[in-house]
Amino acid sequence: MRAPLPVPARAVRTETVVERSRFLTTLEPVDDDAALDAVLARVRREFPGARHHCTASVLGEDGERRRSSDDGEPAGTAGAPMLAALRGAGVTGVVAVVTRWFGGVLLGTGGLVRAYGGAVSGALAEAGVVPRRHVELVEVRTGPGGGGRVEAALRREHALEDVTWTGTGWRAVVPVAAGEVEAFRARLAGAGLEVPTAVLGRAVRPA
C-alpha cells in the first residue's frame, strides 16, 4: 500500500518582491473546499486593495482534487505555476493564496510564472511537511476497574483518541499501523491486558 501524501506542517505567510511588485503568499493546511474557500475569503478581506489574489490548492488522500485561479493575471501565468509547485512538492491538504501588488514594471509571461511559482515554493520550504501513514482504528474497552492501568500501558506506545470514562467502564480508540492489528493484540495479551478490541475502520494519521 502506497503511503499517503504528506501535508504542510503549519500555516505560513511569506513575502517576495520582484521588480517592485510585491508577492505575499499565504499557505495553510486545509481539509476540504469549505476551509480553503474560507482562507481565500479571509485574505481578500485582509488586503482589499491588492490587484490580484491568485490561488492553488490540492486536496484528497492522493492529491486528486486540484484547483487554481489566475484572478485576472494572464491565463496560465499564476494559478498553474502555483499548482505545479504544490504538486512538485508532493503535498496535499493545502491551499496557497498569492496576493500581488503591482509595482509598475511589467514582468512578462515568463517573469510571472517564475514569480508565482517561486513564491509558493518558498512558502512550502518554510512551512515544512508532516509525513503520514495508513492506520487501522482499534477500539479498546475495559470495565471501570481496569481503565487506568490499560490507558497508562497504551499511552507508553500509542496516541489515544476518543478516550471516554463512563459508569460502566473505559473506552479509547488506538491508531495502529495498517496490517499490525494482530501484533497489537498479541502485545496486549503479553502484557496481561486481556481486553476486548474491535477494528472500527481505516484512516490516515501523522507518521
Foldseek 3Di string as FASTA:
>chain_A
DDFFFWAFQAWDWDWDADLQKIKIKTKGFAADPVVQVVVQVVVCVVCVPFPAWWKWAFYDRQRPDIDTDPRPDPPPLARVLLNVLVVVVRHHRMMMIITIHDRPDDLPSVRSSCVRNVNNNVRSVVRDIFTKAKWWKKKWWDFAVCPVVVVVVCVVPFDWAPWDQDNGTTMIITTHGPPCPVVVCVVCVVVVNPTDMDTPGMDMDGD
